[in-house]
Amino acid sequence: MKPARISAAQAQELVLAIGSLVRRARAHAPAELREFSWTQIALLSRLAKAGPATSAELARAEGVTPQSMGAAIAALEEMGLVERKPHATDGRQLLVSLSARGAALRAHTKAAKETWLAQALERLDQRELAILFEAGAIMKRMAEQPEK
């Protein structure tokens, strides 16, 4: 399949539209979470979805430096949202996991964002929904493609 030709303006419009949608969803998160960095939010989300992991695994998965991930973990740990426990089979490593408070905050945040999104989707017609869901699948595939 021949790659599509798009202009810089078209690409910028797509970036702006996605960013606007993300910001609108984020605005429905609890107030305390709105001040978090993108790395902290991604960390909470990843731990909720994938479970405990080492700091190095989390840094690789999120594409950030180990130092950035360490700072994000330390800040969330100080707030009582994550905790570190010894690795079951490798005593040299620590596993980072959501605390009960972190899991509750993540669940509340997810529910609030999903409620907002469901209400926004209800305003679209069937044709728009079909296009949007197809675009979502395409964007997911794009995000999962390996870098060249």
N, C-alpha and C. Protein backbone atom coordinates (compact mmCIF):
# COMPACT_ATOMS: atom_id res chain seq x y z
N MET A 1 0.84 -1.18 0.00
CA MET A 1 0.00 0.00 0.00
C MET A 1 0.88 1.24 0.00
N LYS A 2 0.57 2.18 -0.87
CA LYS A 2 1.34 3.41 -1.00
C LYS A 2 1.02 4.34 0.18
N PRO A 3 2.06 4.89 0.83
CA PRO A 3 1.80 5.80 1.96
C PRO A 3 1.03 7.04 1.51
N ALA A 4 0.12 7.50 2.36
CA ALA A 4 -0.66 8.70 2.06
C ALA A 4 0.23 9.93 2.18
N ARG A 5 -0.05 10.91 1.36
CA ARG A 5 0.65 12.19 1.44
C ARG A 5 -0.24 13.16 2.22
N ILE A 6 0.29 13.68 3.29
CA ILE A 6 -0.46 14.67 4.05
C ILE A 6 0.40 15.90 4.25
N SER A 7 -0.25 17.01 4.44
CA SER A 7 0.49 18.25 4.64
C SER A 7 0.81 18.42 6.13
N ALA A 8 1.75 19.29 6.40
CA ALA A 8 2.09 19.61 7.79
C ALA A 8 0.87 20.20 8.49
N ALA A 9 0.07 20.97 7.79
CA ALA A 9 -1.13 21.58 8.38
C ALA A 9 -2.14 20.51 8.76
N GLN A 10 -2.30 19.48 7.92
CA GLN A 10 -3.22 18.39 8.24
C GLN A 10 -2.74 17.63 9.47
N ALA A 11 -1.47 17.35 9.51
CA ALA A 11 -0.91 16.64 10.68
C ALA A 11 -1.10 17.47 11.94
N GLN A 12 -0.86 18.77 11.84
CA GLN A 12 -1.02 19.66 12.99
C GLN A 12 -2.47 19.69 13.45
N GLU A 13 -3.42 19.71 12.54
CA GLU A 13 -4.84 19.70 12.91
C GLU A 13 -5.21 18.44 13.67
N LEU A 14 -4.65 17.31 13.23
CA LEU A 14 -4.91 16.04 13.93
C LEU A 14 -4.32 16.07 15.33
N VAL A 15 -3.10 16.55 15.47
CA VAL A 15 -2.45 16.67 16.78
C VAL A 15 -3.27 17.57 17.69
N LEU A 16 -3.72 18.70 17.17
CA LEU A 16 -4.51 19.64 17.98
C LEU A 16 -5.83 19.03 18.41
N ALA A 17 -6.49 18.29 17.51
CA ALA A 17 -7.77 17.66 17.84
C ALA A 17 -7.60 16.60 18.93
N ILE A 18 -6.57 15.77 18.79
CA ILE A 18 -6.32 14.74 19.80
C ILE A 18 -5.97 15.38 21.13
N GLY A 19 -5.11 16.39 21.10
CA GLY A 19 -4.72 17.09 22.33
C GLY A 19 -5.92 17.71 23.03
N SER A 20 -6.80 18.32 22.25
CA SER A 20 -7.99 18.95 22.82
C SER A 20 -8.89 17.91 23.48
N LEU A 21 -9.06 16.79 22.83
CA LEU A 21 -9.88 15.71 23.39
C LEU A 21 -9.27 15.18 24.69
N VAL A 22 -7.96 14.99 24.71
CA VAL A 22 -7.27 14.50 25.91
C VAL A 22 -7.42 15.51 27.05
N ARG A 23 -7.25 16.79 26.73
CA ARG A 23 -7.39 17.83 27.77
C ARG A 23 -8.80 17.88 28.33
N ARG A 24 -9.81 17.73 27.47
CA ARG A 24 -11.19 17.74 27.94
C ARG A 24 -11.45 16.54 28.85
N ALA A 25 -10.94 15.39 28.49
CA ALA A 25 -11.12 14.21 29.35
C ALA A 25 -10.37 14.40 30.66
N ARG A 26 -9.17 14.94 30.58
CA ARG A 26 -8.36 15.14 31.80
C ARG A 26 -9.02 16.14 32.74
N ALA A 27 -9.77 17.09 32.20
CA ALA A 27 -10.45 18.08 33.02
C ALA A 27 -11.51 17.45 33.92
N HIS A 28 -11.94 16.24 33.58
CA HIS A 28 -12.94 15.54 34.39
C HIS A 28 -12.31 14.63 35.44
N ALA A 29 -11.01 14.64 35.52
CA ALA A 29 -10.31 13.88 36.56
C ALA A 29 -10.42 14.63 37.88
N PRO A 30 -10.22 13.93 39.00
CA PRO A 30 -10.22 14.63 40.29
C PRO A 30 -9.19 15.75 40.28
N ALA A 31 -9.48 16.83 41.00
CA ALA A 31 -8.63 18.03 40.99
C ALA A 31 -7.18 17.71 41.31
N GLU A 32 -6.92 16.84 42.29
CA GLU A 32 -5.54 16.55 42.67
C GLU A 32 -4.75 15.90 41.54
N LEU A 33 -5.42 15.16 40.68
CA LEU A 33 -4.74 14.47 39.59
C LEU A 33 -4.41 15.42 38.43
N ARG A 34 -5.11 16.52 38.31
CA ARG A 34 -4.87 17.46 37.21
C ARG A 34 -3.50 18.11 37.29
N GLU A 35 -2.89 18.09 38.45
CA GLU A 35 -1.57 18.70 38.62
C GLU A 35 -0.43 17.72 38.38
N PHE A 36 -0.75 16.46 38.11
CA PHE A 36 0.27 15.44 37.91
C PHE A 36 0.92 15.61 36.54
N SER A 37 2.16 15.15 36.43
CA SER A 37 2.85 15.13 35.14
C SER A 37 2.27 14.00 34.29
N TRP A 38 2.53 14.09 32.98
CA TRP A 38 2.08 13.02 32.09
C TRP A 38 2.71 11.69 32.49
N THR A 39 3.97 11.71 32.94
CA THR A 39 4.65 10.49 33.35
C THR A 39 3.95 9.89 34.57
N GLN A 40 3.56 10.71 35.53
CA GLN A 40 2.88 10.20 36.72
C GLN A 40 1.52 9.59 36.35
N ILE A 41 0.80 10.25 35.47
CA ILE A 41 -0.50 9.73 35.05
C ILE A 41 -0.33 8.41 34.30
N ALA A 42 0.64 8.36 33.39
CA ALA A 42 0.90 7.13 32.64
C ALA A 42 1.33 6.01 33.58
N LEU A 43 2.11 6.34 34.60
CA LEU A 43 2.57 5.35 35.56
C LEU A 43 1.39 4.75 36.32
N LEU A 44 0.50 5.59 36.82
CA LEU A 44 -0.68 5.09 37.53
C LEU A 44 -1.52 4.19 36.62
N SER A 45 -1.70 4.63 35.40
CA SER A 45 -2.49 3.86 34.44
C SER A 45 -1.83 2.51 34.14
N ARG A 46 -0.53 2.53 33.88
CA ARG A 46 0.18 1.29 33.56
C ARG A 46 0.12 0.30 34.72
N LEU A 47 0.33 0.79 35.94
CA LEU A 47 0.28 -0.09 37.10
C LEU A 47 -1.11 -0.67 37.30
N ALA A 48 -2.14 0.13 37.01
CA ALA A 48 -3.52 -0.35 37.14
C ALA A 48 -3.81 -1.45 36.11
N LYS A 49 -3.27 -1.28 34.91
CA LYS A 49 -3.54 -2.24 33.83
C LYS A 49 -2.66 -3.48 33.90
N ALA A 50 -1.35 -3.26 34.12
CA ALA A 50 -0.37 -4.35 33.99
C ALA A 50 0.10 -4.92 35.32
N GLY A 51 -0.16 -4.23 36.41
CA GLY A 51 0.28 -4.71 37.71
C GLY A 51 1.69 -4.27 38.04
N PRO A 52 2.23 -4.78 39.15
CA PRO A 52 3.54 -4.37 39.64
C PRO A 52 4.66 -4.57 38.62
N ALA A 53 5.64 -3.67 38.68
CA ALA A 53 6.80 -3.74 37.78
C ALA A 53 7.96 -3.03 38.45
N THR A 54 9.15 -3.31 37.95
CA THR A 54 10.32 -2.60 38.45
C THR A 54 10.37 -1.21 37.84
N SER A 55 11.13 -0.34 38.44
CA SER A 55 11.30 1.01 37.93
C SER A 55 11.88 0.98 36.52
N ALA A 56 12.85 0.12 36.28
CA ALA A 56 13.47 0.01 34.95
C ALA A 56 12.45 -0.45 33.91
N GLU A 57 11.61 -1.42 34.26
CA GLU A 57 10.58 -1.89 33.32
C GLU A 57 9.60 -0.77 33.00
N LEU A 58 9.23 -0.02 34.01
CA LEU A 58 8.29 1.09 33.81
C LEU A 58 8.90 2.17 32.92
N ALA A 59 10.17 2.49 33.15
CA ALA A 59 10.84 3.51 32.34
C ALA A 59 10.89 3.08 30.88
N ARG A 60 11.25 1.83 30.63
CA ARG A 60 11.30 1.33 29.25
C ARG A 60 9.91 1.37 28.61
N ALA A 61 8.91 0.93 29.34
CA ALA A 61 7.55 0.87 28.80
C ALA A 61 7.01 2.25 28.45
N GLU A 62 7.38 3.25 29.23
CA GLU A 62 6.88 4.60 29.00
C GLU A 62 7.82 5.45 28.16
N GLY A 63 8.99 4.91 27.82
CA GLY A 63 9.92 5.64 26.97
C GLY A 63 10.52 6.86 27.64
N VAL A 64 10.78 6.76 28.95
CA VAL A 64 11.42 7.86 29.68
C VAL A 64 12.71 7.35 30.30
N THR A 65 13.52 8.26 30.77
CA THR A 65 14.78 7.86 31.41
C THR A 65 14.50 7.24 32.77
N PRO A 66 15.38 6.38 33.22
CA PRO A 66 15.22 5.81 34.56
C PRO A 66 15.15 6.90 35.64
N GLN A 67 15.89 7.99 35.44
CA GLN A 67 15.87 9.08 36.41
C GLN A 67 14.49 9.74 36.46
N SER A 68 13.88 9.97 35.32
CA SER A 68 12.54 10.57 35.27
C SER A 68 11.52 9.65 35.92
N MET A 69 11.63 8.35 35.63
CA MET A 69 10.70 7.40 36.23
C MET A 69 10.92 7.34 37.73
N GLY A 70 12.17 7.34 38.17
CA GLY A 70 12.45 7.33 39.61
C GLY A 70 11.84 8.52 40.32
N ALA A 71 11.92 9.70 39.69
CA ALA A 71 11.34 10.90 40.28
C ALA A 71 9.82 10.79 40.34
N ALA A 72 9.21 10.27 39.29
CA ALA A 72 7.75 10.11 39.27
C ALA A 72 7.30 9.13 40.34
N ILE A 73 8.02 8.02 40.47
CA ILE A 73 7.68 7.02 41.48
C ILE A 73 7.82 7.62 42.88
N ALA A 74 8.92 8.33 43.12
CA ALA A 74 9.16 8.92 44.44
C ALA A 74 8.04 9.90 44.82
N ALA A 75 7.62 10.73 43.86
CA ALA A 75 6.56 11.70 44.13
C ALA A 75 5.24 11.00 44.44
N LEU A 76 4.91 9.97 43.67
CA LEU A 76 3.66 9.23 43.90
C LEU A 76 3.72 8.43 45.20
N GLU A 77 4.89 7.93 45.53
CA GLU A 77 5.06 7.20 46.78
C GLU A 77 4.87 8.15 47.97
N GLU A 78 5.40 9.34 47.85
CA GLU A 78 5.26 10.34 48.92
C GLU A 78 3.79 10.70 49.15
N MET A 79 2.99 10.66 48.08
CA MET A 79 1.56 10.95 48.18
C MET A 79 0.74 9.74 48.63
N GLY A 80 1.41 8.59 48.77
CA GLY A 80 0.70 7.38 49.19
C GLY A 80 -0.06 6.69 48.08
N LEU A 81 0.29 6.95 46.82
CA LEU A 81 -0.43 6.36 45.70
C LEU A 81 0.22 5.10 45.15
N VAL A 82 1.53 4.97 45.35
CA VAL A 82 2.24 3.75 44.96
C VAL A 82 3.09 3.29 46.14
N GLU A 83 3.49 2.04 46.08
CA GLU A 83 4.38 1.51 47.11
C GLU A 83 5.40 0.59 46.45
N ARG A 84 6.52 0.46 47.12
CA ARG A 84 7.59 -0.42 46.62
C ARG A 84 7.74 -1.57 47.60
N LYS A 85 7.84 -2.76 47.01
CA LYS A 85 8.00 -3.97 47.82
C LYS A 85 9.10 -4.82 47.19
N PRO A 86 9.78 -5.61 47.99
CA PRO A 86 10.83 -6.48 47.43
C PRO A 86 10.27 -7.43 46.38
N HIS A 87 11.07 -7.65 45.35
CA HIS A 87 10.73 -8.59 44.28
C HIS A 87 10.70 -9.99 44.88
N ALA A 88 9.75 -10.80 44.49
CA ALA A 88 9.58 -12.14 45.07
C ALA A 88 10.76 -13.06 44.80
N THR A 89 11.39 -12.93 43.63
CA THR A 89 12.46 -13.86 43.27
C THR A 89 13.84 -13.21 43.17
N ASP A 90 13.88 -11.87 43.11
CA ASP A 90 15.15 -11.17 42.99
C ASP A 90 15.22 -10.10 44.08
N GLY A 91 15.84 -10.44 45.17
CA GLY A 91 15.90 -9.56 46.33
C GLY A 91 16.60 -8.23 46.08
N ARG A 92 17.32 -8.11 44.96
CA ARG A 92 18.01 -6.85 44.65
C ARG A 92 17.06 -5.82 44.07
N GLN A 93 15.89 -6.25 43.63
CA GLN A 93 14.98 -5.35 42.95
C GLN A 93 13.74 -5.06 43.80
N LEU A 94 13.12 -3.93 43.51
CA LEU A 94 11.87 -3.56 44.15
C LEU A 94 10.78 -3.49 43.08
N LEU A 95 9.60 -3.96 43.45
CA LEU A 95 8.46 -3.84 42.55
C LEU A 95 7.61 -2.66 42.98
N VAL A 96 7.20 -1.88 42.02
CA VAL A 96 6.33 -0.74 42.27
C VAL A 96 4.90 -1.19 41.97
N SER A 97 3.98 -0.88 42.86
CA SER A 97 2.58 -1.22 42.65
C SER A 97 1.69 -0.11 43.18
N LEU A 98 0.45 -0.10 42.74
CA LEU A 98 -0.51 0.87 43.27
C LEU A 98 -0.82 0.53 44.72
N SER A 99 -0.92 1.55 45.54
CA SER A 99 -1.41 1.35 46.90
C SER A 99 -2.94 1.29 46.82
N ALA A 100 -3.58 0.98 47.91
CA ALA A 100 -5.04 0.96 47.93
C ALA A 100 -5.58 2.35 47.57
N ARG A 101 -4.94 3.39 48.09
CA ARG A 101 -5.36 4.76 47.78
C ARG A 101 -5.15 5.07 46.30
N GLY A 102 -4.02 4.63 45.75
CA GLY A 102 -3.75 4.84 44.33
C GLY A 102 -4.74 4.12 43.44
N ALA A 103 -5.08 2.89 43.80
CA ALA A 103 -6.05 2.12 43.02
C ALA A 103 -7.43 2.79 43.06
N ALA A 104 -7.81 3.30 44.23
CA ALA A 104 -9.11 3.96 44.36
C ALA A 104 -9.14 5.25 43.53
N LEU A 105 -8.06 6.03 43.59
CA LEU A 105 -7.98 7.27 42.80
C LEU A 105 -8.03 6.96 41.31
N ARG A 106 -7.29 5.95 40.89
CA ARG A 106 -7.27 5.56 39.48
C ARG A 106 -8.65 5.12 39.02
N ALA A 107 -9.34 4.32 39.83
CA ALA A 107 -10.68 3.85 39.46
C ALA A 107 -11.67 5.02 39.36
N HIS A 108 -11.59 5.93 40.31
CA HIS A 108 -12.47 7.11 40.30
C HIS A 108 -12.20 7.96 39.06
N THR A 109 -10.94 8.18 38.75
CA THR A 109 -10.55 8.97 37.60
C THR A 109 -11.03 8.33 36.31
N LYS A 110 -10.82 7.04 36.18
CA LYS A 110 -11.22 6.31 34.98
C LYS A 110 -12.74 6.40 34.79
N ALA A 111 -13.49 6.23 35.87
CA ALA A 111 -14.95 6.29 35.78
C ALA A 111 -15.41 7.69 35.36
N ALA A 112 -14.80 8.73 35.91
CA ALA A 112 -15.19 10.10 35.57
C ALA A 112 -14.92 10.40 34.10
N LYS A 113 -13.76 9.98 33.61
CA LYS A 113 -13.42 10.21 32.20
C LYS A 113 -14.34 9.42 31.28
N GLU A 114 -14.63 8.17 31.65
CA GLU A 114 -15.50 7.34 30.82
C GLU A 114 -16.91 7.90 30.77
N THR A 115 -17.39 8.44 31.88
CA THR A 115 -18.71 9.05 31.90
C THR A 115 -18.76 10.25 30.96
N TRP A 116 -17.73 11.12 31.04
CA TRP A 116 -17.68 12.27 30.14
C TRP A 116 -17.65 11.82 28.69
N LEU A 117 -16.80 10.84 28.38
CA LEU A 117 -16.66 10.39 27.00
C LEU A 117 -17.96 9.77 26.50
N ALA A 118 -18.62 8.97 27.32
CA ALA A 118 -19.89 8.35 26.91
C ALA A 118 -20.92 9.43 26.59
N GLN A 119 -20.99 10.48 27.40
CA GLN A 119 -21.93 11.57 27.14
C GLN A 119 -21.58 12.30 25.84
N ALA A 120 -20.29 12.51 25.59
CA ALA A 120 -19.87 13.16 24.35
C ALA A 120 -20.20 12.28 23.14
N LEU A 121 -20.00 10.98 23.25
CA LEU A 121 -20.27 10.06 22.15
C LEU A 121 -21.77 9.99 21.84
N GLU A 122 -22.61 10.14 22.86
CA GLU A 122 -24.06 10.08 22.65
C GLU A 122 -24.56 11.20 21.75
N ARG A 123 -23.78 12.26 21.60
CA ARG A 123 -24.18 13.39 20.76
C ARG A 123 -23.85 13.16 19.27
N LEU A 124 -23.17 12.08 18.97
CA LEU A 124 -22.79 11.80 17.59
C LEU A 124 -23.81 10.87 16.93
N ASP A 125 -23.91 10.96 15.60
CA ASP A 125 -24.81 10.04 14.89
C ASP A 125 -24.05 8.74 14.58
N GLN A 126 -24.76 7.76 14.05
CA GLN A 126 -24.17 6.44 13.80
C GLN A 126 -22.99 6.50 12.83
N ARG A 127 -23.11 7.34 11.79
CA ARG A 127 -22.03 7.45 10.81
C ARG A 127 -20.77 8.02 11.48
N GLU A 128 -20.94 9.07 12.29
CA GLU A 128 -19.80 9.67 12.99
C GLU A 128 -19.17 8.68 13.96
N LEU A 129 -20.00 7.92 14.66
CA LEU A 129 -19.47 6.92 15.59
C LEU A 129 -18.64 5.87 14.86
N ALA A 130 -19.15 5.40 13.73
CA ALA A 130 -18.42 4.39 12.95
C ALA A 130 -17.07 4.93 12.50
N ILE A 131 -17.05 6.18 12.01
CA ILE A 131 -15.79 6.80 11.57
C ILE A 131 -14.84 6.95 12.75
N LEU A 132 -15.36 7.43 13.87
CA LEU A 132 -14.53 7.65 15.04
C LEU A 132 -13.92 6.35 15.56
N PHE A 133 -14.72 5.30 15.63
CA PHE A 133 -14.18 4.02 16.13
C PHE A 133 -13.17 3.42 15.16
N GLU A 134 -13.39 3.60 13.87
CA GLU A 134 -12.40 3.13 12.89
C GLU A 134 -11.11 3.93 13.04
N ALA A 135 -11.24 5.24 13.21
CA ALA A 135 -10.05 6.09 13.41
C ALA A 135 -9.32 5.70 14.68
N GLY A 136 -10.06 5.38 15.74
CA GLY A 136 -9.43 4.94 16.99
C GLY A 136 -8.60 3.68 16.79
N ALA A 137 -9.14 2.73 16.05
CA ALA A 137 -8.40 1.49 15.77
C ALA A 137 -7.14 1.78 14.96
N ILE A 138 -7.25 2.70 14.01
CA ILE A 138 -6.09 3.06 13.19
C ILE A 138 -5.03 3.74 14.05
N MET A 139 -5.44 4.67 14.92
CA MET A 139 -4.48 5.37 15.78
C MET A 139 -3.79 4.41 16.74
N LYS A 140 -4.54 3.44 17.24
CA LYS A 140 -3.93 2.45 18.13
C LYS A 140 -2.87 1.65 17.36
N ARG A 141 -3.20 1.25 16.15
CA ARG A 141 -2.23 0.51 15.33
C ARG A 141 -0.99 1.36 15.05
N MET A 142 -1.20 2.64 14.78
CA MET A 142 -0.07 3.54 14.53
C MET A 142 0.82 3.64 15.78
N ALA A 143 0.21 3.76 16.93
CA ALA A 143 0.95 3.91 18.17
C ALA A 143 1.75 2.66 18.52
N GLU A 144 1.28 1.51 18.06
CA GLU A 144 1.95 0.25 18.37
C GLU A 144 3.01 -0.15 17.36
N GLN A 145 3.13 0.60 16.25
CA GLN A 145 4.11 0.29 15.23
C GLN A 145 5.52 0.55 15.78
N PRO A 146 6.46 -0.35 15.49
CA PRO A 146 7.84 -0.10 15.91
C PRO A 146 8.43 1.08 15.15
N GLU A 147 9.34 1.77 15.78
CA GLU A 147 10.04 2.89 15.15
C GLU A 147 10.97 2.36 14.07
N LYS A 148 11.15 3.14 13.02
CA LYS A 148 12.08 2.75 11.94
C LYS A 148 13.43 3.32 12.21
